[in-house]
Amino acid sequence: MIFRGTWLLPMLAAGAAALSFPSCSAKVGQFEVLHGTESANPGATTTSETTTTTTTTALVYRGNIYDTNLKLVTYGTYAKGEDDERIYGENCAYSFSNLISEASNGLDESLRELLTSVNPTKIAADHEVGKSVRLTIDSDVQTELCSYMANMGMSGSIVVLRTDGSILAEVSYPNYDPELYFSDEEYRNLLWSGALENKAFMNASPGSCFKIMSEVIADKNNITCLYDDGEWFDSGATIVNWDHEIGGYPIPERTLYSAFVNSSNIFFAKVYDQLGTDKVLDELNRLFHFCDPINCDFGSIENQIKIECLDDLRRSAFGQSHVKTCPIYLAALGREAVFGDMVKPFIVQQVVDTSDPSKECSKGTSPYEVIASIPEEYRQNLLDCMTGVANNLGIYVPENYQLYAKTGTAETGRGDFLYITGCLRNVADRTGEKIKYTDYSDYGLDGSYIIVMQLQNPADFGFDFASQTGYLYQGIINTVLSY
């Protein structure tokens, strides 16, 4: 069964007729009909006759998945097992595996209900096929970023978000061939365990990228200058700044700008210490929707923060201790940092007819859904801070763009993760007009890009801090702007 367009293989009709297995798209139920009014009484002597009737709900095979340019990413063929076998379009298997394959709990699973809702146009005489989905992803950019990570030897993820909330690219590497995964047991058994993870949608400590939120909270509570020891010993716990051994400490009057640009852990730890747990959690949620789930069309973003003691509270200020989030959330945060509003990320652009993807069945997810905002009076200070960080990264951007950024070095149970959360803002940006795109072919003319890079293997590059990763981020920028 191939749902490329208007045709199916003849084997679909013959093969599916023999199917009687239960699955998510085919449910078989049995019930008993009892004859005789006293048959339910265990003490009765009346003989009862039992008849078993089987009812079967028609199979509905998943529709196709297309990219934003209506390039076919994955489609179904008749399979021996309980479901349609998914086949990937040219150059799409590796680059989309972690995002789409059900082996990674991807879109084939999270969008299953939509993909198995019966297509309005009949595809095959004896079988039902579901509607298809057009994603906001550009498969060319997705594939090139995947190749870039592979060629550079990077482990981690890249997320590129447009300012309307649509995801342009969501890459996780190392990845795998999803077709071989289901067809070749030896290949499956030899896979590195992390290959199946969608690292872009997987929670981990964000490190100092969390200071984007802490800067606003400090500013809002008028904590803009503090004594910075470089090393802070209190209650049996020690917090140090990354540069505490270099010299220059103490800094008696460290400003909020200096603390952000130079990524002082102690400054922000003291901010949270002054405000207390309840105040911090309230502001994180109200200003940044950090504590409550964000229900997106691809799944729920569920950040984590747990404060059990004073040391937890202090370390959460710089994205450590029991604080975790995913790169997709960091992209939404980067969008809010530069434009003032956090909009809900989304990936479903349209629901389309499987027989003709140019026909719309229904609209996709609404863009520009605002879920949090930074008060106007605190936006410019954050922009100045992120400009200062970007200027120290050694990254070149074309003259019609401005780069804003925050770096993050996170200690995790799997080693250090390094991040850059940045926004490449187009000087001609018209985000404030909330432009509705029927397609994204001309987005680059005046559109901006929020780009998050997560590097999970910094030791392979000899990196100690995220500030050293500028040249890797440069390659991502170059790739995005080339399309």
Protein backbone atom coordinates (compact mmCIF):
# COMPACT_ATOMS: atom_id res chain seq x y z
CA MET A 1 0.00 0.00 0.00
CA ILE A 2 1.65 3.22 -1.10
CA PHE A 3 -0.09 6.50 -0.42
CA ARG A 4 2.07 8.63 -2.69
CA GLY A 5 -0.93 10.21 -4.33
CA THR A 6 -3.92 8.69 -6.05
CA TRP A 7 -2.79 5.06 -6.41
CA LEU A 8 -2.13 1.98 -4.32
CA LEU A 9 -0.40 -1.28 -5.02
CA PRO A 10 -2.84 -4.07 -5.99
CA MET A 11 -1.52 -6.13 -3.07
CA LEU A 12 -3.29 -3.76 -0.69
CA ALA A 13 -6.70 -5.11 -1.60
CA ALA A 14 -5.65 -8.72 -1.41
CA GLY A 15 -3.46 -8.41 1.66
CA ALA A 16 -5.68 -6.41 3.98
CA ALA A 17 -8.65 -8.71 3.41
CA ALA A 18 -6.87 -11.39 5.42
CA LEU A 19 -6.06 -9.12 8.32
CA SER A 20 -7.91 -9.79 11.56
CA PHE A 21 -5.38 -8.62 14.15
CA PRO A 22 -6.03 -5.89 16.72
CA SER A 23 -4.16 -2.61 16.32
CA CYS A 24 -4.54 1.09 16.98
CA SER A 25 -6.28 1.45 13.63
CA ALA A 26 -8.20 -1.84 13.68
CA LYS A 27 -10.10 -2.94 16.78
CA VAL A 28 -11.70 -6.38 17.04
CA GLY A 29 -14.30 -6.91 19.78
CA GLN A 30 -16.24 -9.99 20.93
CA PHE A 31 -19.40 -10.20 22.98
CA GLU A 32 -21.68 -12.99 24.17
CA VAL A 33 -25.43 -13.30 23.61
CA LEU A 34 -27.14 -15.41 26.30
CA HIS A 35 -30.42 -17.25 25.45
CA GLY A 36 -32.73 -18.21 28.36
CA THR A 37 -34.06 -15.93 31.03
CA GLU A 38 -32.40 -17.73 33.94
CA SER A 39 -29.01 -18.45 32.43
CA ALA A 40 -27.34 -15.83 34.54
CA ASN A 41 -28.36 -17.70 37.72
CA PRO A 42 -25.62 -20.17 38.71
CA GLY A 43 -28.13 -22.35 40.56
CA ALA A 44 -30.56 -22.72 37.64
CA THR A 45 -30.89 -26.00 35.77
CA THR A 46 -31.95 -24.39 32.51
CA THR A 47 -29.41 -24.98 29.72
CA SER A 48 -28.10 -21.83 28.10
CA GLU A 49 -26.84 -21.44 24.57
CA THR A 50 -23.93 -19.10 23.96
CA THR A 51 -23.28 -17.48 20.61
CA THR A 52 -20.10 -15.53 19.93
CA THR A 53 -20.31 -12.66 17.48
CA THR A 54 -17.25 -10.83 16.17
CA THR A 55 -17.42 -7.21 15.12
CA THR A 56 -14.56 -5.60 13.25
CA THR A 57 -13.85 -1.91 12.75
CA ALA A 58 -12.42 -1.24 9.29
CA LEU A 59 -8.67 -0.71 9.09
CA VAL A 60 -7.57 2.85 8.49
CA TYR A 61 -3.99 3.14 7.36
CA ARG A 62 -1.98 6.24 8.20
CA GLY A 63 -1.82 8.96 5.60
CA ASN A 64 1.34 10.62 4.33
CA ILE A 65 3.56 13.24 5.89
CA TYR A 66 4.83 16.09 3.71
CA ASP A 67 7.20 18.94 4.41
CA THR A 68 6.20 22.58 4.03
CA ASN A 69 7.00 22.47 0.29
CA LEU A 70 4.79 19.37 -0.12
CA LYS A 71 7.78 17.11 -0.58
CA LEU A 72 6.84 13.57 0.45
CA VAL A 73 8.64 12.67 3.68
CA THR A 74 7.00 9.37 4.61
CA TYR A 75 4.19 7.16 3.34
CA GLY A 76 2.77 3.71 3.99
CA THR A 77 3.04 0.31 2.36
CA TYR A 78 1.24 -2.92 3.25
CA ALA A 79 3.04 -4.70 6.09
CA LYS A 80 3.07 -8.21 7.58
CA GLY A 81 2.59 -6.91 11.10
CA GLU A 82 -0.12 -4.91 12.80
CA ASP A 83 0.36 -1.68 10.91
CA ASP A 84 1.31 -0.12 7.63
CA GLU A 85 5.05 -0.09 7.06
CA ARG A 86 6.43 3.42 6.77
CA ILE A 87 8.71 4.25 3.85
CA TYR A 88 10.67 7.49 3.65
CA GLY A 89 11.17 9.85 0.75
CA GLU A 90 14.51 10.63 -0.83
CA ASN A 91 17.13 11.75 1.73
CA CYS A 92 14.50 11.83 4.48
CA ALA A 93 15.05 8.58 6.41
CA TYR A 94 17.99 9.62 8.56
CA SER A 95 17.18 13.31 8.90
CA PHE A 96 13.56 12.69 9.99
CA SER A 97 13.90 9.41 11.88
CA ASN A 98 14.00 10.81 15.42
CA LEU A 99 11.26 13.30 14.61
CA ILE A 100 8.76 11.00 12.85
CA SER A 101 9.36 7.30 13.51
CA GLU A 102 7.23 5.60 16.13
CA ALA A 103 10.45 3.94 17.33
CA SER A 104 11.30 7.38 18.71
CA ASN A 105 7.70 8.05 19.75
CA GLY A 106 7.63 10.58 16.94
CA LEU A 107 4.94 12.18 14.81
CA ASP A 108 3.76 8.87 13.37
CA GLU A 109 2.68 8.10 16.92
CA SER A 110 1.67 11.51 18.30
CA LEU A 111 -0.33 12.38 15.14
CA ARG A 112 -1.75 8.88 14.71
CA GLU A 113 -5.35 9.92 15.38
CA LEU A 114 -5.14 12.61 12.74
CA LEU A 115 -3.31 10.40 10.25
CA THR A 116 -5.95 7.67 10.62
CA SER A 117 -8.99 9.95 10.30
CA VAL A 118 -10.60 8.78 7.06
CA ASN A 119 -9.50 10.68 3.97
CA PRO A 120 -12.41 12.50 2.22
CA THR A 121 -11.37 11.10 -1.15
CA LYS A 122 -11.50 7.32 -1.47
CA ILE A 123 -8.03 5.88 -2.05
CA ALA A 124 -8.80 2.17 -2.46
CA ALA A 125 -12.03 0.34 -3.12
CA ASP A 126 -11.88 -2.00 -0.13
CA HIS A 127 -9.76 -0.12 2.40
CA GLU A 128 -9.64 3.18 4.19
CA VAL A 129 -6.62 5.46 4.26
CA GLY A 130 -6.21 8.42 6.57
CA LYS A 131 -5.68 12.06 5.84
CA SER A 132 -2.19 13.42 5.34
CA VAL A 133 -0.25 16.11 7.18
CA ARG A 134 1.83 18.97 5.85
CA LEU A 135 4.53 19.98 8.32
CA THR A 136 6.12 23.40 8.81
CA ILE A 137 9.52 21.70 8.45
CA ASP A 138 11.61 22.43 5.36
CA SER A 139 13.10 19.04 4.48
CA ASP A 140 16.03 20.57 2.60
CA VAL A 141 17.11 22.56 5.64
CA GLN A 142 16.43 19.56 7.90
CA THR A 143 18.62 17.31 5.75
CA GLU A 144 21.44 19.82 5.40
CA LEU A 145 21.57 20.47 9.15
CA CYS A 146 21.60 16.74 9.77
CA SER A 147 24.51 16.33 7.35
CA TYR A 148 26.27 19.26 8.99
CA MET A 149 26.08 17.64 12.42
CA ALA A 150 27.31 14.33 10.99
CA ASN A 151 30.20 15.93 9.10
CA MET A 152 31.27 17.97 12.12
CA GLY A 153 30.98 15.00 14.48
CA MET A 154 28.40 16.72 16.66
CA SER A 155 26.11 14.86 19.05
CA GLY A 156 23.04 16.74 20.21
CA SER A 157 20.33 18.72 18.49
CA ILE A 158 19.45 21.81 16.50
CA VAL A 159 16.10 23.59 16.55
CA VAL A 160 15.19 26.41 14.18
CA LEU A 161 11.98 28.31 14.94
CA ARG A 162 10.22 30.96 12.87
CA THR A 163 8.73 33.89 14.73
CA ASP A 164 5.13 32.72 14.18
CA GLY A 165 5.98 29.65 16.29
CA SER A 166 6.43 27.23 13.39
CA ILE A 167 9.35 24.82 13.55
CA LEU A 168 11.55 25.12 10.47
CA ALA A 169 13.97 22.35 11.48
CA GLU A 170 14.28 19.90 14.37
CA VAL A 171 17.40 17.78 14.08
CA SER A 172 18.71 15.13 16.46
CA TYR A 173 22.05 13.40 15.90
CA PRO A 174 23.23 10.61 16.01
CA ASN A 175 20.17 9.17 14.33
CA TYR A 176 19.26 5.97 12.50
CA ASP A 177 17.54 4.47 9.46
CA PRO A 178 13.93 3.85 10.55
CA GLU A 179 13.24 1.43 7.70
CA LEU A 180 16.19 -0.77 8.67
CA TYR A 181 15.23 -0.48 12.31
CA PHE A 182 11.96 -2.32 11.71
CA SER A 183 13.22 -4.71 9.02
CA ASP A 184 16.70 -5.75 10.19
CA GLU A 185 17.05 -7.18 13.70
CA GLU A 186 20.85 -7.17 13.54
CA TYR A 187 20.89 -3.49 12.62
CA ARG A 188 18.46 -2.74 15.44
CA ASN A 189 20.51 -4.63 18.02
CA LEU A 190 23.74 -2.88 17.06
CA LEU A 191 22.33 0.64 17.35
CA TRP A 192 23.78 2.91 20.01
CA SER A 193 21.02 3.36 22.59
CA GLY A 194 20.99 7.15 22.23
CA ALA A 195 20.31 6.94 18.50
CA LEU A 196 16.55 6.64 19.04
CA GLU A 197 16.26 9.73 21.22
CA ASN A 198 14.81 12.93 19.86
CA LYS A 199 17.28 15.16 21.67
CA ALA A 200 15.46 18.30 20.52
CA PHE A 201 12.39 17.24 22.52
CA MET A 202 14.22 15.62 25.42
CA ASN A 203 14.67 17.34 28.78
CA ALA A 204 18.14 18.09 30.11
CA SER A 205 19.77 20.78 32.23
CA PRO A 206 19.91 24.01 30.18
CA GLY A 207 22.78 25.64 32.08
CA SER A 208 23.12 29.39 31.79
CA CYS A 209 20.56 29.74 29.00
CA PHE A 210 18.18 29.73 31.97
CA LYS A 211 19.63 33.13 32.91
CA ILE A 212 17.48 34.67 30.19
CA MET A 213 14.59 34.21 32.61
CA SER A 214 16.63 35.03 35.69
CA GLU A 215 17.74 38.35 34.17
CA VAL A 216 14.16 39.49 33.65
CA ILE A 217 13.14 38.34 37.15
CA ALA A 218 16.06 40.25 38.67
CA ASP A 219 15.26 43.38 36.67
CA LYS A 220 11.57 43.20 37.48
CA ASN A 221 12.39 43.01 41.21
CA ASN A 222 14.91 45.86 40.94
CA ILE A 223 17.93 43.70 41.81
CA THR A 224 20.44 45.23 39.42
CA CYS A 225 23.67 45.45 41.44
CA LEU A 226 25.18 42.90 43.86
CA TYR A 227 28.44 41.94 45.57
CA ASP A 228 30.02 39.08 43.61
CA ASP A 229 32.53 37.00 45.53
CA GLY A 230 33.51 34.69 42.67
CA GLU A 231 33.16 31.85 45.18
CA TRP A 232 30.23 31.59 47.58
CA PHE A 233 30.36 29.23 50.54
CA ASP A 234 27.18 28.96 52.58
CA SER A 235 25.27 26.29 54.50
CA GLY A 236 27.79 23.63 53.50
CA ALA A 237 27.34 24.33 49.77
CA THR A 238 29.70 26.01 47.33
CA ILE A 239 28.77 27.98 44.21
CA VAL A 240 31.52 29.29 41.95
CA ASN A 241 31.70 31.35 38.78
CA TRP A 242 33.34 29.78 35.77
CA ASP A 243 36.16 32.34 35.89
CA HIS A 244 36.69 32.40 39.66
CA GLU A 245 40.28 31.15 39.36
CA ILE A 246 41.30 33.76 36.81
CA GLY A 247 41.31 36.65 39.27
CA GLY A 248 39.56 39.99 39.53
CA TYR A 249 37.31 38.98 42.43
CA PRO A 250 35.56 40.13 44.47
CA ILE A 251 33.49 42.52 42.39
CA PRO A 252 31.78 44.75 44.97
CA GLU A 253 29.22 46.24 42.59
CA ARG A 254 28.53 43.80 39.80
CA THR A 255 25.78 45.07 37.52
CA LEU A 256 22.99 42.94 36.07
CA TYR A 257 24.39 43.54 32.57
CA SER A 258 27.87 42.39 33.62
CA ALA A 259 26.43 39.36 35.42
CA PHE A 260 24.55 38.26 32.31
CA VAL A 261 27.27 38.90 29.73
CA ASN A 262 29.97 37.31 31.90
CA SER A 263 27.56 34.59 33.07
CA SER A 264 27.95 34.98 36.83
CA ASN A 265 26.34 32.11 38.70
CA ILE A 266 26.71 33.82 42.06
CA PHE A 267 24.86 36.98 41.03
CA PHE A 268 21.74 35.12 39.95
CA ALA A 269 21.95 32.65 42.83
CA LYS A 270 21.82 35.63 45.21
CA VAL A 271 18.83 37.04 43.31
CA TYR A 272 16.85 33.85 43.85
CA ASP A 273 18.07 33.65 47.43
CA GLN A 274 16.59 37.09 48.10
CA LEU A 275 13.27 36.39 46.38
CA GLY A 276 12.54 32.95 47.83
CA THR A 277 11.04 29.83 46.30
CA ASP A 278 7.40 30.90 46.01
CA LYS A 279 8.23 34.21 44.31
CA VAL A 280 10.68 32.59 41.90
CA LEU A 281 8.29 29.82 40.82
CA ASP A 282 5.42 32.25 40.41
CA GLU A 283 7.42 34.57 38.17
CA LEU A 284 8.94 31.75 36.14
CA ASN A 285 5.47 30.51 35.33
CA ARG A 286 3.70 33.84 34.80
CA LEU A 287 6.45 35.41 32.71
CA PHE A 288 7.76 32.33 30.90
CA HIS A 289 5.18 29.53 31.23
CA PHE A 290 7.95 27.39 32.67
CA CYS A 291 6.16 25.39 35.36
CA ASP A 292 2.92 24.44 33.61
CA PRO A 293 2.85 22.04 30.62
CA ILE A 294 2.71 23.52 27.12
CA ASN A 295 0.40 21.34 25.04
CA CYS A 296 1.71 21.51 21.47
CA ASP A 297 0.47 19.70 18.38
CA PHE A 298 3.53 17.37 18.49
CA GLY A 299 3.25 16.61 22.21
CA SER A 300 3.51 18.29 25.60
CA ILE A 301 6.54 20.31 26.69
CA GLU A 302 6.89 19.59 30.40
CA ASN A 303 9.75 21.45 32.01
CA GLN A 304 11.08 20.33 35.37
CA ILE A 305 12.07 22.32 38.41
CA LYS A 306 12.26 20.89 41.92
CA ILE A 307 13.36 22.93 44.91
CA GLU A 308 13.87 20.89 48.05
CA CYS A 309 16.43 23.07 49.82
CA LEU A 310 18.08 26.47 49.68
CA ASP A 311 20.93 25.17 47.53
CA ASP A 312 18.40 23.90 44.94
CA LEU A 313 16.82 27.33 44.80
CA ARG A 314 20.13 29.08 44.27
CA ARG A 315 21.39 26.67 41.61
CA SER A 316 18.14 26.75 39.70
CA ALA A 317 18.92 30.42 38.93
CA PHE A 318 21.59 29.27 36.49
CA GLY A 319 19.83 26.18 35.13
CA GLN A 320 21.37 23.52 37.33
CA SER A 321 20.26 21.33 40.24
CA HIS A 322 16.79 19.91 39.42
CA VAL A 323 16.04 22.16 36.43
CA LYS A 324 15.44 20.58 33.05
CA THR A 325 13.96 21.66 29.76
CA CYS A 326 14.26 20.82 26.05
CA PRO A 327 15.79 22.72 23.11
CA ILE A 328 12.33 23.34 21.63
CA TYR A 329 11.37 25.25 24.78
CA LEU A 330 14.67 27.16 24.63
CA ALA A 331 13.74 28.21 21.09
CA ALA A 332 10.38 29.50 22.33
CA LEU A 333 12.23 31.30 25.14
CA GLY A 334 14.65 32.86 22.64
CA ARG A 335 11.67 34.08 20.65
CA GLU A 336 10.20 35.71 23.75
CA ALA A 337 13.53 37.25 24.74
CA VAL A 338 13.87 39.11 21.45
CA PHE A 339 10.24 39.85 20.54
CA GLY A 340 8.68 40.08 23.99
CA ASP A 341 6.12 37.29 23.65
CA MET A 342 6.46 33.53 23.90
CA VAL A 343 4.36 31.82 21.25
CA LYS A 344 3.48 28.15 21.32
CA PRO A 345 5.72 26.09 19.00
CA PHE A 346 3.89 24.06 16.36
CA ILE A 347 4.66 21.72 13.47
CA VAL A 348 1.34 20.98 11.69
CA GLN A 349 0.85 23.48 8.88
CA GLN A 350 -2.12 21.80 7.17
CA VAL A 351 -4.17 18.65 7.00
CA VAL A 352 -4.35 17.65 3.34
CA ASP A 353 -6.04 15.14 1.07
CA THR A 354 -3.91 12.02 0.66
CA SER A 355 -4.98 11.66 -2.98
CA ASP A 356 -3.95 15.25 -3.73
CA PRO A 357 -1.88 17.09 -1.10
CA SER A 358 -2.62 20.43 -2.77
CA LYS A 359 -6.19 20.07 -1.45
CA GLU A 360 -6.71 21.24 2.11
CA CYS A 361 -8.87 19.15 4.40
CA SER A 362 -8.49 21.48 7.34
CA LYS A 363 -6.18 24.17 8.58
CA GLY A 364 -3.23 23.32 10.75
CA THR A 365 -2.25 24.77 14.11
CA SER A 366 -2.86 28.48 14.57
CA PRO A 367 0.32 30.60 14.58
CA TYR A 368 1.21 33.36 17.05
CA GLU A 369 -0.52 31.77 20.04
CA VAL A 370 0.92 33.87 22.87
CA ILE A 371 1.40 31.96 26.13
CA ALA A 372 3.69 34.33 28.07
CA SER A 373 5.10 37.84 27.82
CA ILE A 374 7.91 39.98 29.23
CA PRO A 375 6.61 43.33 30.46
CA GLU A 376 7.56 46.13 28.07
CA GLU A 377 9.77 47.96 30.57
CA TYR A 378 12.16 45.02 30.99
CA ARG A 379 12.63 44.02 27.35
CA GLN A 380 15.37 46.42 26.26
CA ASN A 381 17.74 45.55 29.10
CA LEU A 382 17.53 41.88 28.13
CA LEU A 383 18.17 42.72 24.47
CA ASP A 384 21.24 44.72 25.46
CA CYS A 385 22.50 41.79 27.52
CA MET A 386 21.98 39.28 24.70
CA THR A 387 23.70 41.63 22.24
CA GLY A 388 26.71 41.72 24.57
CA VAL A 389 26.90 37.91 24.63
CA ALA A 390 26.54 37.64 20.84
CA ASN A 391 29.33 40.15 20.29
CA ASN A 392 31.73 37.91 22.21
CA LEU A 393 31.09 34.79 20.14
CA GLY A 394 33.03 35.81 17.05
CA ILE A 395 30.11 35.05 14.75
CA TYR A 396 29.61 36.87 11.46
CA VAL A 397 26.08 37.69 10.35
CA PRO A 398 25.03 39.54 7.17
CA GLU A 399 24.47 43.27 7.55
CA ASN A 400 20.69 42.90 7.34
CA TYR A 401 20.63 40.78 10.51
CA GLN A 402 21.26 41.36 14.21
CA LEU A 403 22.31 38.45 16.43
CA TYR A 404 21.13 38.10 20.04
CA ALA A 405 22.37 35.15 22.09
CA LYS A 406 22.94 33.44 25.42
CA THR A 407 25.35 30.60 25.99
CA GLY A 408 24.92 27.79 28.49
CA THR A 409 27.26 25.17 29.95
CA ALA A 410 25.27 22.50 31.77
CA GLU A 411 26.52 19.72 34.00
CA THR A 412 24.47 16.57 33.40
CA GLY A 413 24.69 12.94 34.36
CA ARG A 414 25.96 12.29 30.82
CA GLY A 415 28.71 14.89 30.92
CA ASP A 416 28.55 18.56 30.02
CA PHE A 417 26.03 19.82 27.46
CA LEU A 418 26.82 23.12 25.73
CA TYR A 419 24.13 25.43 24.32
CA ILE A 420 23.73 28.58 22.31
CA THR A 421 20.21 30.01 22.31
CA GLY A 422 20.15 32.77 19.74
CA CYS A 423 17.96 34.82 17.45
CA LEU A 424 19.02 36.01 14.03
CA ARG A 425 16.74 39.01 13.69
CA ASN A 426 16.11 40.41 10.22
CA VAL A 427 16.26 44.21 10.21
CA ALA A 428 13.20 44.11 7.92
CA ASP A 429 11.31 41.84 10.33
CA ARG A 430 7.52 42.26 10.35
CA THR A 431 6.67 39.86 13.15
CA GLY A 432 4.59 42.52 14.88
CA GLU A 433 2.15 42.41 11.97
CA LYS A 434 1.52 38.71 12.64
CA ILE A 435 1.79 37.77 9.00
CA LYS A 436 -0.08 34.55 8.16
CA TYR A 437 1.95 32.43 5.75
CA THR A 438 0.15 30.15 3.29
CA ASP A 439 3.63 28.82 2.58
CA TYR A 440 7.07 29.81 3.79
CA SER A 441 8.76 30.20 0.42
CA ASP A 442 9.31 33.94 0.90
CA TYR A 443 9.85 33.90 4.67
CA GLY A 444 13.55 34.67 4.30
CA LEU A 445 12.87 38.09 2.78
CA ASP A 446 11.97 39.66 6.11
CA GLY A 447 11.73 36.73 8.51
CA SER A 448 13.89 36.09 11.55
CA TYR A 449 15.18 32.78 12.90
CA ILE A 450 15.51 31.55 16.45
CA ILE A 451 18.29 28.95 16.50
CA VAL A 452 19.18 26.67 19.40
CA MET A 453 22.29 24.50 19.25
CA GLN A 454 22.81 21.77 21.83
CA LEU A 455 26.20 20.00 21.84
CA GLN A 456 26.29 16.84 23.91
CA ASN A 457 29.88 15.78 23.16
CA PRO A 458 32.03 18.86 23.86
CA ALA A 459 34.99 16.75 25.01
CA ASP A 460 35.42 15.48 21.45
CA PHE A 461 36.14 19.10 20.45
CA GLY A 462 38.21 19.98 23.49
CA PHE A 463 35.58 22.47 24.64
CA ASP A 464 35.10 23.44 28.27
CA PHE A 465 32.54 26.22 27.82
CA ALA A 466 29.72 27.07 25.43
CA SER A 467 31.44 30.34 24.51
CA GLN A 468 33.97 28.24 22.58
CA THR A 469 31.36 26.80 20.19
CA GLY A 470 30.82 29.92 18.08
CA TYR A 471 32.26 28.43 14.89
CA LEU A 472 29.86 25.47 15.08
CA TYR A 473 26.94 27.87 15.49
CA GLN A 474 28.27 29.89 12.55
CA GLY A 475 27.91 26.85 10.30
CA ILE A 476 24.29 26.44 11.37
CA ILE A 477 23.54 30.09 10.59
CA ASN A 478 25.19 29.75 7.18
CA THR A 479 23.12 26.64 6.40
CA VAL A 480 19.81 28.24 7.40
CA LEU A 481 20.47 31.41 5.42
CA SER A 482 21.45 29.48 2.30
CA TYR A 483 17.81 28.41 1.77
